[in-house]
PDB file of N, CA and C in Angstrom:
ATOM      1  N   MET A   1     -23.266   3.153  18.824  1.00  0.00           N
ATOM      2  CA  MET A   1     -21.990   3.829  19.579  1.00  0.00           C
ATOM      3  C   MET A   1     -21.690   5.060  19.652  1.00  0.00           C
ATOM      4  N   LEU A   2     -21.915   6.429  20.546  1.00  0.00           N
ATOM      5  CA  LEU A   2     -21.614   7.100  20.489  1.00  0.00           C
ATOM      6  C   LEU A   2     -20.881   7.775  21.436  1.00  0.00           C
ATOM      7  N   TYR A   3     -19.639   8.584  20.691  1.00  0.00           N
ATOM      8  CA  TYR A   3     -18.316   8.985  21.473  1.00  0.00           C
ATOM      9  C   TYR A   3     -18.429  10.589  21.326  1.00  0.00           C
ATOM     10  N   CYS A   4     -19.296  10.510  22.833  1.00  0.00           N
ATOM     11  CA  CYS A   4     -19.387  12.255  22.905  1.00  0.00           C
ATOM     12  C   CYS A   4     -19.916  12.805  24.619  1.00  0.00           C
ATOM     13  N   GLY A   5     -19.338  13.566  24.856  1.00  0.00           N
ATOM     14  CA  GLY A   5     -19.445  14.173  26.409  1.00  0.00           C
ATOM     15  C   GLY A   5     -20.637  14.474  26.652  1.00  0.00           C
ATOM     16  N   LYS A   6     -21.252  15.117  25.679  1.00  0.00           N
ATOM     17  CA  LYS A   6     -22.855  15.704  25.894  1.00  0.00           C
ATOM     18  C   LYS A   6     -23.689  14.460  25.483  1.00  0.00           C
ATOM     19  N   SER A   7     -24.790  14.867  26.295  1.00  0.00           N
ATOM     20  CA  SER A   7     -25.992  13.617  25.700  1.00  0.00           C
ATOM     21  C   SER A   7     -26.697  14.175  24.709  1.00  0.00           C
ATOM     22  N   LYS A   8     -26.458  15.210  24.435  1.00  0.00           N
ATOM     23  CA  LYS A   8     -27.237  16.197  23.149  1.00  0.00           C
ATOM     24  C   LYS A   8     -26.285  17.036  22.228  1.00  0.00           C
ATOM     25  N   LEU A   9     -25.909  17.064  21.066  1.00  0.00           N
ATOM     26  CA  LEU A   9     -25.031  17.387  20.293  1.00  0.00           C
ATOM     27  C   LEU A   9     -25.916  18.205  18.958  1.00  0.00           C
ATOM     28  N   ASP A  10     -25.638  19.278  18.855  1.00  0.00           N
ATOM     29  CA  ASP A  10     -26.182  19.861  17.532  1.00  0.00           C
ATOM     30  C   ASP A  10     -25.704  19.845  16.348  1.00  0.00           C
ATOM     31  N   ILE A  11     -25.828  19.110  15.243  1.00  0.00           N
ATOM     32  CA  ILE A  11     -24.788  18.824  13.914  1.00  0.00           C
ATOM     33  C   ILE A  11     -25.638  19.452  12.669  1.00  0.00           C
ATOM     34  N   LEU A  12     -24.917  19.952  12.098  1.00  0.00           N
ATOM     35  CA  LEU A  12     -25.603  20.545  10.896  1.00  0.00           C
ATOM     36  C   LEU A  12     -25.651  19.938   9.551  1.00  0.00           C
ATOM     37  N   ALA A  13     -26.613  20.169   8.861  1.00  0.00           N
ATOM     38  CA  ALA A  13     -26.973  19.308   7.378  1.00  0.00           C
ATOM     39  C   ALA A  13     -25.645  18.749   6.773  1.00  0.00           C
ATOM     40  N   ASN A  14     -25.285  18.132   6.338  1.00  0.00           N
ATOM     41  CA  ASN A  14     -24.414  17.058   5.332  1.00  0.00           C
ATOM     42  C   ASN A  14     -23.169  16.939   6.008  1.00  0.00           C
ATOM     43  N   HIS A  15     -23.496  16.884   7.095  1.00  0.00           N
ATOM     44  CA  HIS A  15     -22.018  16.497   8.449  1.00  0.00           C
ATOM     45  C   HIS A  15     -21.934  14.501   7.910  1.00  0.00           C
ATOM     46  N   ILE A  16     -20.628  14.537   7.551  1.00  0.00           N
ATOM     47  CA  ILE A  16     -20.490  12.966   7.423  1.00  0.00           C
ATOM     48  C   ILE A  16     -19.452  12.482   8.642  1.00  0.00           C
ATOM     49  N   THR A  17     -20.554  11.790   9.195  1.00  0.00           N
ATOM     50  CA  THR A  17     -19.560  10.804  10.548  1.00  0.00           C
ATOM     51  C   THR A  17     -19.549   9.402  10.870  1.00  0.00           C
ATOM     52  N   LEU A  18     -19.051   9.144  11.219  1.00  0.00           N
ATOM     53  CA  LEU A  18     -18.997   7.010  10.875  1.00  0.00           C
ATOM     54  C   LEU A  18     -20.342   6.424  11.964  1.00  0.00           C
ATOM     55  N   PHE A  19     -20.481   5.433  11.995  1.00  0.00           N
ATOM     56  CA  PHE A  19     -21.642   4.665  12.606  1.00  0.00           C
ATOM     57  C   PHE A  19     -21.070   2.911  12.766  1.00  0.00           C
ATOM     58  N   ASP A  20     -21.617   2.502  14.098  1.00  0.00           N
ATOM     59  CA  ASP A  20     -21.450   1.023  13.492  1.00  0.00           C
ATOM     60  C   ASP A  20     -23.208   0.406  13.525  1.00  0.00           C
ATOM     61  N   VAL A  21     -23.710   0.993  13.152  1.00  0.00           N
ATOM     62  CA  VAL A  21     -25.129   0.287  12.557  1.00  0.00           C
ATOM     63  C   VAL A  21     -25.335   0.951  10.989  1.00  0.00           C
ATOM     64  N   ALA A  22     -25.825  -0.081  10.643  1.00  0.00           N
ATOM     65  CA  ALA A  22     -26.310   0.031   8.996  1.00  0.00           C
ATOM     66  C   ALA A  22     -27.191   1.319   8.911  1.00  0.00           C
ATOM     67  N   SER A  23     -27.996   1.500   9.600  1.00  0.00           N
ATOM     68  CA  SER A  23     -28.715   2.507   9.388  1.00  0.00           C
ATOM     69  C   SER A  23     -29.177   3.698  10.622  1.00  0.00           C
ATOM     70  N   PHE A  24     -29.704   4.605  10.442  1.00  0.00           N
ATOM     71  CA  PHE A  24     -29.816   5.589  11.486  1.00  0.00           C
ATOM     72  C   PHE A  24     -30.955   6.845  11.357  1.00  0.00           C
ATOM     73  N   THR A  25     -31.754   7.220  11.726  1.00  0.00           N
ATOM     74  CA  THR A  25     -32.793   8.214  11.499  1.00  0.00           C
ATOM     75  C   THR A  25     -32.403   9.354  11.882  1.00  0.00           C
ATOM     76  N   GLY A  26     -32.429   9.826  10.307  1.00  0.00           N
ATOM     77  CA  GLY A  26     -32.397  11.377   9.831  1.00  0.00           C
ATOM     78  C   GLY A  26     -30.847  11.316   9.146  1.00  0.00           C
ATOM     79  N   TRP A  27     -30.263  10.139   8.847  1.00  0.00           N
ATOM     80  CA  TRP A  27     -28.961  10.308   8.259  1.00  0.00           C
ATOM     81  C   TRP A  27     -28.782   9.276   6.920  1.00  0.00           C
ATOM     82  N   THR A  28     -28.569   9.523   6.555  1.00  0.00           N
ATOM     83  CA  THR A  28     -28.377   8.881   5.255  1.00  0.00           C
ATOM     84  C   THR A  28     -26.422   8.199   4.486  1.00  0.00           C
ATOM     85  N   ARG A  29     -26.652   6.982   4.335  1.00  0.00           N
ATOM     86  CA  ARG A  29     -25.433   6.260   4.394  1.00  0.00           C
ATOM     87  C   ARG A  29     -25.042   6.839   3.016  1.00  0.00           C
ATOM     88  N   TYR A  30     -23.346   7.201   3.335  1.00  0.00           N
ATOM     89  CA  TYR A  30     -22.701   8.130   2.211  1.00  0.00           C
ATOM     90  C   TYR A  30     -22.072   7.095   1.685  1.00  0.00           C
ATOM     91  N   THR A  31     -22.110   6.162   0.687  1.00  0.00           N
ATOM     92  CA  THR A  31     -21.880   5.431  -0.156  1.00  0.00           C
ATOM     93  C   THR A  31     -20.800   5.557  -0.970  1.00  0.00           C
ATOM     94  N   ALA A  32     -20.441   6.707  -1.159  1.00  0.00           N
ATOM     95  CA  ALA A  32     -18.993   7.355  -1.731  1.00  0.00           C
ATOM     96  C   ALA A  32     -17.372   6.668  -1.104  1.00  0.00           C
ATOM     97  N   LEU A  33     -17.686   6.270   0.588  1.00  0.00           N
ATOM     98  CA  LEU A  33     -16.825   6.258   1.365  1.00  0.00           C
ATOM     99  C   LEU A  33     -16.862   4.658   1.286  1.00  0.00           C
ATOM    100  N   ASP A  34     -18.144   3.562   1.090  1.00  0.00           N
ATOM    101  CA  ASP A  34     -17.859   2.679   1.105  1.00  0.00           C
ATOM    102  C   ASP A  34     -16.804   1.624   0.640  1.00  0.00           C
ATOM    103  N   ALA A  35     -16.312   0.556   1.581  1.00  0.00           N
ATOM    104  CA  ALA A  35     -15.302   0.252   1.115  1.00  0.00           C
ATOM    105  C   ALA A  35     -13.480   0.925   0.701  1.00  0.00           C
ATOM    106  N   LYS A  36     -13.925   2.225   1.802  1.00  0.00           N
ATOM    107  CA  LYS A  36     -12.779   3.237   1.506  1.00  0.00           C
ATOM    108  C   LYS A  36     -11.921   3.060   2.279  1.00  0.00           C
ATOM    109  N   PHE A  37     -10.841   3.785   2.462  1.00  0.00           N
ATOM    110  CA  PHE A  37     -10.147   4.493   3.447  1.00  0.00           C
ATOM    111  C   PHE A  37     -10.366   5.960   3.376  1.00  0.00           C
ATOM    112  N   PRO A  38     -10.764   6.993   4.339  1.00  0.00           N
ATOM    113  CA  PRO A  38     -10.755   7.988   3.747  1.00  0.00           C
ATOM    114  C   PRO A  38      -9.740   9.120   3.996  1.00  0.00           C
ATOM    115  N   GLN A  39      -9.362   9.992   3.095  1.00  0.00           N
ATOM    116  CA  GLN A  39      -8.200  10.616   3.306  1.00  0.00           C
ATOM    117  C   GLN A  39      -8.335  12.351   3.035  1.00  0.00           C
ATOM    118  N   GLY A  40      -7.521  13.076   4.043  1.00  0.00           N
ATOM    119  CA  GLY A  40      -7.923  14.202   4.115  1.00  0.00           C
ATOM    120  C   GLY A  40      -7.247  15.194   2.742  1.00  0.00           C
ATOM    121  N   ALA A  41      -7.985  15.853   2.123  1.00  0.00           N
ATOM    122  CA  ALA A  41      -7.641  16.339   0.664  1.00  0.00           C
ATOM    123  C   ALA A  41      -6.919  17.963   0.855  1.00  0.00           C
ATOM    124  N   SER A  42      -6.028  18.384   0.132  1.00  0.00           N
ATOM    125  CA  SER A  42      -5.546  19.004   0.138  1.00  0.00           C
ATOM    126  C   SER A  42      -5.900  20.114  -1.159  1.00  0.00           C
ATOM    127  N   ALA A  43      -5.926  19.406  -2.368  1.00  0.00           N
ATOM    128  CA  ALA A  43      -6.497  20.086  -3.474  1.00  0.00           C
ATOM    129  C   ALA A  43      -7.801  19.397  -4.156  1.00  0.00           C
ATOM    130  N   SER A  44      -7.466  17.887  -4.702  1.00  0.00           N
ATOM    131  CA  SER A  44      -8.753  17.617  -5.627  1.00  0.00           C
ATOM    132  C   SER A  44      -9.381  17.019  -4.600  1.00  0.00           C
ATOM    133  N   ILE A  45     -10.765  17.199  -4.662  1.00  0.00           N
ATOM    134  CA  ILE A  45     -11.284  16.714  -3.861  1.00  0.00           C
ATOM    135  C   ILE A  45     -12.382  14.988  -4.517  1.00  0.00           C
ATOM    136  N   GLY A  46     -12.364  14.198  -3.796  1.00  0.00           N
ATOM    137  CA  GLY A  46     -12.748  13.336  -4.336  1.00  0.00           C
ATOM    138  C   GLY A  46     -12.002  12.231  -5.614  1.00  0.00           C
ATOM    139  N   ASP A  47     -10.519  12.381  -5.252  1.00  0.00           N
ATOM    140  CA  ASP A  47      -9.602  11.535  -5.617  1.00  0.00           C
ATOM    141  C   ASP A  47      -9.823  10.150  -5.479  1.00  0.00           C
ATOM    142  N   THR A  48      -9.023   9.249  -5.683  1.00  0.00           N
ATOM    143  CA  THR A  48      -8.406   8.385  -5.602  1.00  0.00           C
ATOM    144  C   THR A  48      -7.329   7.575  -5.424  1.00  0.00           C
ATOM    145  N   GLY A  49      -7.022   6.480  -4.589  1.00  0.00           N
ATOM    146  CA  GLY A  49      -5.710   5.924  -4.693  1.00  0.00           C
ATOM    147  C   GLY A  49      -5.652   4.903  -3.864  1.00  0.00           C
ATOM    148  N   GLY A  50      -3.982   4.218  -4.234  1.00  0.00           N
ATOM    149  CA  GLY A  50      -4.053   3.016  -3.409  1.00  0.00           C
ATOM    150  C   GLY A  50      -4.141   2.011  -4.032  1.00  0.00           C
ATOM    151  N   SER A  51      -3.470   0.762  -3.132  1.00  0.00           N
ATOM    152  CA  SER A  51      -3.883  -0.476  -3.885  1.00  0.00           C
ATOM    153  C   SER A  51      -4.053  -1.160  -2.979  1.00  0.00           C
ATOM    154  N   ASP A  52      -4.538  -2.512  -3.086  1.00  0.00           N
ATOM    155  CA  ASP A  52      -5.081  -3.892  -1.873  1.00  0.00           C
ATOM    156  C   ASP A  52      -3.875  -4.214  -1.841  1.00  0.00           C
ATOM    157  N   THR A  53      -2.861  -4.474  -2.652  1.00  0.00           N
ATOM    158  CA  THR A  53      -1.560  -5.355  -3.038  1.00  0.00           C
ATOM    159  C   THR A  53      -0.186  -4.721  -3.096  1.00  0.00           C
ATOM    160  N   HIS A  54       0.821  -5.213  -3.487  1.00  0.00           N
ATOM    161  CA  HIS A  54       1.726  -4.559  -4.014  1.00  0.00           C
ATOM    162  C   HIS A  54       2.871  -5.974  -3.841  1.00  0.00           C
ATOM    163  N   THR A  55       3.823  -5.623  -5.203  1.00  0.00           N
ATOM    164  CA  THR A  55       5.071  -6.287  -5.216  1.00  0.00           C
ATOM    165  C   THR A  55       6.412  -5.662  -4.863  1.00  0.00           C
ATOM    166  N   HIS A  56       7.263  -6.427  -5.274  1.00  0.00           N
ATOM    167  CA  HIS A  56       8.418  -6.171  -5.554  1.00  0.00           C
ATOM    168  C   HIS A  56       9.821  -6.635  -6.721  1.00  0.00           C
ATOM    169  N   THR A  57      10.581  -6.066  -7.359  1.00  0.00           N
ATOM    170  CA  THR A  57      11.087  -6.652  -8.134  1.00  0.00           C
ATOM    171  C   THR A  57      12.582  -6.731  -8.133  1.00  0.00           C
ATOM    172  N   VAL A  58      13.198  -7.602  -7.832  1.00  0.00           N
ATOM    173  CA  VAL A  58      14.448  -7.426  -7.757  1.00  0.00           C
ATOM    174  C   VAL A  58      15.768  -8.093  -8.426  1.00  0.00           C
ATOM    175  N   SER A  59      16.426  -7.277  -8.780  1.00  0.00           N
ATOM    176  CA  SER A  59      17.400  -8.046  -9.815  1.00  0.00           C
ATOM    177  C   SER A  59      18.770  -7.694  -9.867  1.00  0.00           C
ATOM    178  N   PHE A  60      19.700  -8.638 -10.056  1.00  0.00           N
ATOM    179  CA  PHE A  60      21.274  -7.902  -9.490  1.00  0.00           C
ATOM    180  C   PHE A  60      22.039  -8.966 -10.792  1.00  0.00           C
ATOM    181  N   SER A  61      23.063  -8.299 -11.218  1.00  0.00           N
ATOM    182  CA  SER A  61      24.485  -8.951 -11.613  1.00  0.00           C
ATOM    183  C   SER A  61      25.661  -8.739 -11.056  1.00  0.00           C
ATOM    184  N   LEU A  62      26.891  -9.865 -11.566  1.00  0.00           N
ATOM    185  CA  LEU A  62      28.226  -9.334 -11.163  1.00  0.00           C
ATOM    186  C   LEU A  62      29.021 -10.413 -11.855  1.00  0.00           C
ATOM    187  N   GLY A  63      29.762  -9.682 -12.038  1.00  0.00           N
ATOM    188  CA  GLY A  63      31.079 -10.179 -13.265  1.00  0.00           C
ATOM    189  C   GLY A  63      32.561  -9.587 -12.490  1.00  0.00           C
ATOM    190  N   THR A  64      33.261 -10.624 -12.989  1.00  0.00           N
ATOM    191  CA  THR A  64      34.905  -9.889 -13.212  1.00  0.00           C
ATOM    192  C   THR A  64      35.555  -9.795 -14.179  1.00  0.00           C
ATOM    193  N   ALA A  65      36.112  -9.144 -14.127  1.00  0.00           N
ATOM    194  CA  ALA A  65      37.119  -8.555 -16.002  1.00  0.00           C
ATOM    195  C   ALA A  65      37.800 -10.010 -16.261  1.00  0.00           C
ATOM    196  N   GLY A  66      37.449 -10.791 -17.496  1.00  0.00           N
ATOM    197  CA  GLY A  66      37.891 -11.509 -18.081  1.00  0.00           C
ATOM    198  C   GLY A  66      39.596 -11.704 -18.645  1.00  0.00           C
ATOM    199  N   GLY A  67      39.933 -12.881 -18.877  1.00  0.00           N
ATOM    200  CA  GLY A  67      41.256 -12.903 -19.811  1.00  0.00           C
ATOM    201  C   GLY A  67      41.810 -14.252 -19.688  1.00  0.00           C
ATOM    202  N   SER A  68      42.771 -14.648 -20.623  1.00  0.00           N
ATOM    203  CA  SER A  68      43.299 -15.851 -21.210  1.00  0.00           C
ATOM    204  C   SER A  68      44.559 -15.671 -20.488  1.00  0.00           C
ATOM    205  N   GLU A  69      45.483 -15.169 -19.470  1.00  0.00           N
ATOM    206  CA  GLU A  69      46.550 -15.183 -18.955  1.00  0.00           C
ATOM    207  C   GLU A  69      46.355 -15.659 -18.000  1.00  0.00           C
ATOM    208  N   TRP A  70      47.856 -16.408 -17.744  1.00  0.00           N
ATOM    209  CA  TRP A  70      48.069 -17.428 -16.493  1.00  0.00           C
ATOM    210  C   TRP A  70      50.112 -16.771 -16.364  1.00  0.00           C
ATOM    211  N   MET A  71      49.854 -16.363 -15.196  1.00  0.00           N
ATOM    212  CA  MET A  71      51.378 -15.877 -14.895  1.00  0.00           C
ATOM    213  C   MET A  71      52.214 -15.370 -15.694  1.00  0.00           C
ATOM    214  N   GLY A  72      51.324 -14.471 -16.225  1.00  0.00           N
ATOM    215  CA  GLY A  72      51.824 -13.521 -17.586  1.00  0.00           C
ATOM    216  C   GLY A  72      52.329 -14.454 -19.153  1.00  0.00           C
ATOM    217  N   THR A  73      51.988 -15.537 -19.151  1.00  0.00           N
ATOM    218  CA  THR A  73      51.996 -16.560 -20.231  1.00  0.00           C
ATOM    219  C   THR A  73      50.737 -16.058 -21.104  1.00  0.00           C
ATOM    220  N   THR A  74      50.763 -16.145 -22.102  1.00  0.00           N
ATOM    221  CA  THR A  74      49.474 -16.233 -22.867  1.00  0.00           C
ATOM    222  C   THR A  74      49.304 -17.507 -23.897  1.00  0.00           C
ATOM    223  N   CYS A  75      48.216 -18.078 -23.726  1.00  0.00           N
ATOM    224  CA  CYS A  75      47.896 -19.254 -24.208  1.00  0.00           C
ATOM    225  C   CYS A  75      47.433 -18.726 -26.034  1.00  0.00           C
ATOM    226  N   SER A  76      47.657 -19.533 -26.690  1.00  0.00           N
ATOM    227  CA  SER A  76      47.180 -19.365 -28.050  1.00  0.00           C
ATOM    228  C   SER A  76      46.188 -20.766 -28.245  1.00  0.00           C
ATOM    229  N   SER A  77      46.970 -22.441 -27.755  1.00  0.00           N
ATOM    230  CA  SER A  77      45.297 -22.901 -28.115  1.00  0.00           C
ATOM    231  C   SER A  77      45.926 -24.599 -27.160  1.00  0.00           C
ATOM    232  N   ASN A  78      44.711 -24.694 -27.004  1.00  0.00           N
ATOM    233  CA  ASN A  78      45.341 -26.411 -26.072  1.00  0.00           C
ATOM    234  C   ASN A  78      45.501 -25.863 -24.639  1.00  0.00           C
ATOM    235  N   CYS A  79      45.230 -24.899 -24.101  1.00  0.00           N
ATOM    236  CA  CYS A  79      46.023 -24.548 -22.542  1.00  0.00           C
ATOM    237  C   CYS A  79      45.607 -25.177 -21.741  1.00  0.00           C
ATOM    238  N   HIS A  80      45.933 -25.540 -20.302  1.00  0.00           N
ATOM    239  CA  HIS A  80      45.354 -26.133 -19.295  1.00  0.00           C
ATOM    240  C   HIS A  80      46.314 -25.673 -18.214  1.00  0.00           C
ATOM    241  N   TYR A  81      45.481 -24.590 -17.792  1.00  0.00           N
ATOM    242  CA  TYR A  81      46.348 -24.210 -16.551  1.00  0.00           C
ATOM    243  C   TYR A  81      45.571 -24.048 -15.189  1.00  0.00           C
ATOM    244  N   PRO A  82      46.326 -24.819 -14.158  1.00  0.00           N
ATOM    245  CA  PRO A  82      45.844 -25.172 -12.902  1.00  0.00           C
ATOM    246  C   PRO A  82      45.231 -24.206 -12.015  1.00  0.00           C
ATOM    247  N   ILE A  83      45.591 -22.826 -12.486  1.00  0.00           N
ATOM    248  CA  ILE A  83      44.911 -21.795 -11.875  1.00  0.00           C
ATOM    249  C   ILE A  83      45.087 -20.721 -12.549  1.00  0.00           C
ATOM    250  N   VAL A  84      43.781 -19.875 -12.967  1.00  0.00           N
ATOM    251  CA  VAL A  84      43.907 -18.803 -13.934  1.00  0.00           C
ATOM    252  C   VAL A  84      43.784 -17.424 -12.884  1.00  0.00           C
ATOM    253  N   ALA A  85      44.904 -16.829 -13.584  1.00  0.00           N
ATOM    254  CA  ALA A  85      45.330 -15.354 -12.450  1.00  0.00           C
ATOM    255  C   ALA A  85      43.994 -14.861 -12.961  1.00  0.00           C
ATOM    256  N   ASN A  86      43.645 -14.413 -14.491  1.00  0.00           N
ATOM    257  CA  ASN A  86      42.053 -13.333 -14.758  1.00  0.00           C
ATOM    258  C   ASN A  86      41.491 -14.235 -15.189  1.00  0.00           C
ATOM    259  N   HIS A  87      39.979 -14.530 -14.547  1.00  0.00           N
ATOM    260  CA  HIS A  87      38.956 -15.146 -15.121  1.00  0.00           C
ATOM    261  C   HIS A  87      37.889 -14.546 -15.547  1.00  0.00           C
ATOM    262  N   THR A  88      36.822 -15.070 -15.563  1.00  0.00           N
ATOM    263  CA  THR A  88      35.779 -14.474 -15.465  1.00  0.00           C
ATOM    264  C   THR A  88      34.870 -15.475 -14.759  1.00  0.00           C
ATOM    265  N   HIS A  89      33.500 -14.834 -13.784  1.00  0.00           N
ATOM    266  CA  HIS A  89      32.234 -15.218 -13.093  1.00  0.00           C
ATOM    267  C   HIS A  89      31.249 -14.553 -13.556  1.00  0.00           C
ATOM    268  N   SER A  90      30.137 -14.752 -13.610  1.00  0.00           N
ATOM    269  CA  SER A  90      28.898 -13.682 -13.997  1.00  0.00           C
ATOM    270  C   SER A  90      27.880 -14.762 -13.923  1.00  0.00           C
ATOM    271  N   ALA A  91      27.169 -13.781 -13.096  1.00  0.00           N
ATOM    272  CA  ALA A  91      25.354 -14.682 -12.600  1.00  0.00           C
ATOM    273  C   ALA A  91      24.684 -13.223 -13.071  1.00  0.00           C
ATOM    274  N   SER A  92      23.192 -13.937 -13.051  1.00  0.00           N
ATOM    275  CA  SER A  92      22.203 -12.786 -13.089  1.00  0.00           C
ATOM    276  C   SER A  92      20.779 -13.211 -12.899  1.00  0.00           C
ATOM    277  N   ALA A  93      20.143 -12.663 -11.694  1.00  0.00           N
ATOM    278  CA  ALA A  93      18.879 -13.105 -11.988  1.00  0.00           C
ATOM    279  C   ALA A  93      17.971 -11.933 -11.171  1.00  0.00           C
ATOM    280  N   ALA A  94      16.533 -12.174 -11.555  1.00  0.00           N
ATOM    281  CA  ALA A  94      15.397 -11.309 -11.890  1.00  0.00           C
ATOM    282  C   ALA A  94      14.271 -11.851 -11.072  1.00  0.00           C
ATOM    283  N   THR A  95      13.714 -11.139  -9.899  1.00  0.00           N
ATOM    284  CA  THR A  95      12.417 -12.323  -9.662  1.00  0.00           C
ATOM    285  C   THR A  95      11.585 -10.977  -8.978  1.00  0.00           C
ATOM    286  N   THR A  96      10.073 -11.679  -8.994  1.00  0.00           N
ATOM    287  CA  THR A  96       9.469 -10.526  -8.702  1.00  0.00           C
ATOM    288  C   THR A  96       8.808 -11.447  -7.323  1.00  0.00           C
ATOM    289  N   THR A  97       8.698 -10.363  -5.761  1.00  0.00           N
ATOM    290  CA  THR A  97       8.196 -11.170  -4.746  1.00  0.00           C
ATOM    291  C   THR A  97       6.452 -12.225  -4.849  1.00  0.00           C
ATOM    292  N   GLU A  98       6.173 -12.263  -4.054  1.00  0.00           N
ATOM    293  CA  GLU A  98       4.588 -12.756  -3.627  1.00  0.00           C
ATOM    294  C   GLU A  98       3.929 -11.723  -2.976  1.00  0.00           C
ATOM    295  N   THR A  99       3.059 -11.375  -4.012  1.00  0.00           N
ATOM    296  CA  THR A  99       1.929 -10.154  -3.753  1.00  0.00           C
ATOM    297  C   THR A  99       1.432 -10.480  -2.142  1.00  0.00           C
ATOM    298  N   GLY A 100       1.780  -8.953  -1.043  1.00  0.00           N
ATOM    299  CA  GLY A 100       1.192  -9.027  -0.441  1.00  0.00           C
ATOM    300  C   GLY A 100      -0.033  -7.944  -0.084  1.00  0.00           C
ATOM    301  N   ASN A 101      -0.500  -8.570   1.019  1.00  0.00           N
ATOM    302  CA  ASN A 101      -1.965  -7.522   1.039  1.00  0.00           C
ATOM    303  C   ASN A 101      -1.184  -6.217   1.940  1.00  0.00           C
ATOM    304  N   ASN A 102      -1.851  -5.249   1.574  1.00  0.00           N
ATOM    305  CA  ASN A 102      -1.763  -3.703   2.116  1.00  0.00           C
ATOM    306  C   ASN A 102      -2.592  -3.301   3.203  1.00  0.00           C
ATOM    307  N   ILE A 103      -3.392  -3.600   2.981  1.00  0.00           N
ATOM    308  CA  ILE A 103      -4.454  -3.597   4.433  1.00  0.00           C
ATOM    309  C   ILE A 103      -4.587  -3.886   5.940  1.00  0.00           C
ATOM    310  N   PRO A 104      -3.911  -2.383   6.304  1.00  0.00           N
ATOM    311  CA  PRO A 104      -3.958  -2.776   7.951  1.00  0.00           C
ATOM    312  C   PRO A 104      -5.410  -3.056   8.584  1.00  0.00           C
ATOM    313  N   ALA A 105      -4.924  -3.851   9.870  1.00  0.00           N
ATOM    314  CA  ALA A 105      -6.616  -4.365  10.661  1.00  0.00           C
ATOM    315  C   ALA A 105      -7.374  -2.965  10.719  1.00  0.00           C
ATOM    316  N   TYR A 106      -8.344  -3.860  10.745  1.00  0.00           N
ATOM    317  CA  TYR A 106      -9.462  -2.234  10.643  1.00  0.00           C
ATOM    318  C   TYR A 106     -10.880  -2.713  10.979  1.00  0.00           C
ATOM    319  N   LEU A 107     -11.858  -2.038  11.499  1.00  0.00           N
ATOM    320  CA  LEU A 107     -13.391  -2.261  12.372  1.00  0.00           C
ATOM    321  C   LEU A 107     -13.932  -1.889  10.939  1.00  0.00           C
ATOM    322  N   ASP A 108     -15.141  -2.248  10.675  1.00  0.00           N
ATOM    323  CA  ASP A 108     -16.209  -1.998   9.407  1.00  0.00           C
ATOM    324  C   ASP A 108     -17.450  -1.273   9.968  1.00  0.00           C
ATOM    325  N   MET A 109     -17.224   0.079   9.441  1.00  0.00           N
ATOM    326  CA  MET A 109     -18.219   0.879  10.149  1.00  0.00           C
ATOM    327  C   MET A 109     -18.989   1.450   8.978  1.00  0.00           C
ATOM    328  N   VAL A 110     -20.160   2.556   9.020  1.00  0.00           N
ATOM    329  CA  VAL A 110     -20.943   2.822   7.866  1.00  0.00           C
ATOM    330  C   VAL A 110     -20.465   4.664   8.043  1.00  0.00           C
ATOM    331  N   PHE A 111     -20.224   5.103   6.884  1.00  0.00           N
ATOM    332  CA  PHE A 111     -19.854   6.491   7.186  1.00  0.00           C
ATOM    333  C   PHE A 111     -21.458   7.369   6.567  1.00  0.00           C
ATOM    334  N   MET A 112     -22.095   8.107   7.522  1.00  0.00           N
ATOM    335  CA  MET A 112     -23.336   8.599   6.745  1.00  0.00           C
ATOM    336  C   MET A 112     -23.354  10.434   6.878  1.00  0.00           C
ATOM    337  N   LYS A 113     -24.305  10.552   6.354  1.00  0.00           N
ATOM    338  CA  LYS A 113     -24.210  12.112   6.435  1.00  0.00           C
ATOM    339  C   LYS A 113     -25.955  12.700   6.812  1.00  0.00           C
ATOM    340  N   LYS A 114     -25.418  13.511   7.349  1.00  0.00           N
ATOM    341  CA  LYS A 114     -26.602  14.270   8.410  1.00  0.00           C
ATOM    342  C   LYS A 114     -27.640  14.941   7.015  1.00  0.00           C
ATOM    343  N   ASP A 115     -29.048  14.235   7.251  1.00  0.00           N
ATOM    344  CA  ASP A 115     -29.921  14.434   6.067  1.00  0.00           C
ATOM    345  C   ASP A 115     -30.241  16.470   6.324  1.00  0.00           C
ATOM    346  N   SER A 116     -30.405  16.410   7.723  1.00  0.00           N
ATOM    347  CA  SER A 116     -30.316  18.065   8.150  1.00  0.00           C
ATOM    348  C   SER A 116     -30.493  18.586   9.401  1.00  0.00           C
ATOM    349  N   THR A 117     -30.050  19.851   9.424  1.00  0.00           N
ATOM    350  CA  THR A 117     -29.998  20.201  10.797  1.00  0.00           C
ATOM    351  C   THR A 117     -30.694  19.654  12.150  1.00  0.00           C
ATOM    352  N   GLY A 118     -30.096  19.671  12.656  1.00  0.00           N
ATOM    353  CA  GLY A 118     -31.217  18.693  13.991  1.00  0.00           C
ATOM    354  C   GLY A 118     -29.576  18.310  15.285  1.00  0.00           C
ATOM    355  N   THR A 119     -30.497  17.665  16.241  1.00  0.00           N
ATOM    356  CA  THR A 119     -29.924  17.456  17.438  1.00  0.00           C
ATOM    357  C   THR A 119     -29.236  16.128  17.465  1.00  0.00           C
ATOM    358  N   LEU A 120     -28.100  15.341  17.841  1.00  0.00           N
ATOM    359  CA  LEU A 120     -28.143  14.138  17.649  1.00  0.00           C
ATOM    360  C   LEU A 120     -28.297  13.562  19.695  1.00  0.00           C
ATOM    361  N   SER A 121     -28.691  12.957  20.010  1.00  0.00           N
ATOM    362  CA  SER A 121     -29.275  12.786  21.228  1.00  0.00           C
ATOM    363  C   SER A 121     -28.557  11.334  21.739  1.00  0.00           C
ATOM    364  N   THR A 122     -28.055  11.401  22.759  1.00  0.00           N
ATOM    365  CA  THR A 122     -27.726   9.436  23.780  1.00  0.00           C
ATOM    366  C   THR A 122     -28.791   8.972  24.251  1.00  0.00           C
ATOM    367  N   GLU A 123     -30.141   9.932  24.205  1.00  0.00           N
ATOM    368  CA  GLU A 123     -31.344   9.574  25.203  1.00  0.00           C
ATOM    369  C   GLU A 123     -31.772   9.325  23.902  1.00  0.00           C
ATOM    370  N   ARG A 124     -32.686   7.882  23.716  1.00  0.00           N
ATOM    371  CA  ARG A 124     -33.060   7.021  23.155  1.00  0.00           C
ATOM    372  C   ARG A 124     -34.437   6.864  23.413  1.00  0.00           C
TER     373      ARG A 124
END
């Protein structure tokens, strides 16, 4: 599949482009991009990064101030209050989510590098 408005296109040597075929005369597969998503470089060419998957870790805790007072009366031993004015509730939890897949929908194609300067033609 060739997407071009002209029937012939002059291509310089070392030009890299995508093909939907495994091989093409005058081109060599550019294996450095096999199974990779290309990204434009601003400084370091050839750097890699990213991940196929990711997880999120979530944790929380809550609590309120504690005490042993009821209606202004302090308890010293064996006290049974129907309602405690100051008391503590606390809870904590931590979890890690299931691993998710980061890869977007895609179409498998092959990157190829032009062997030498020449003309690419839709006329076969």
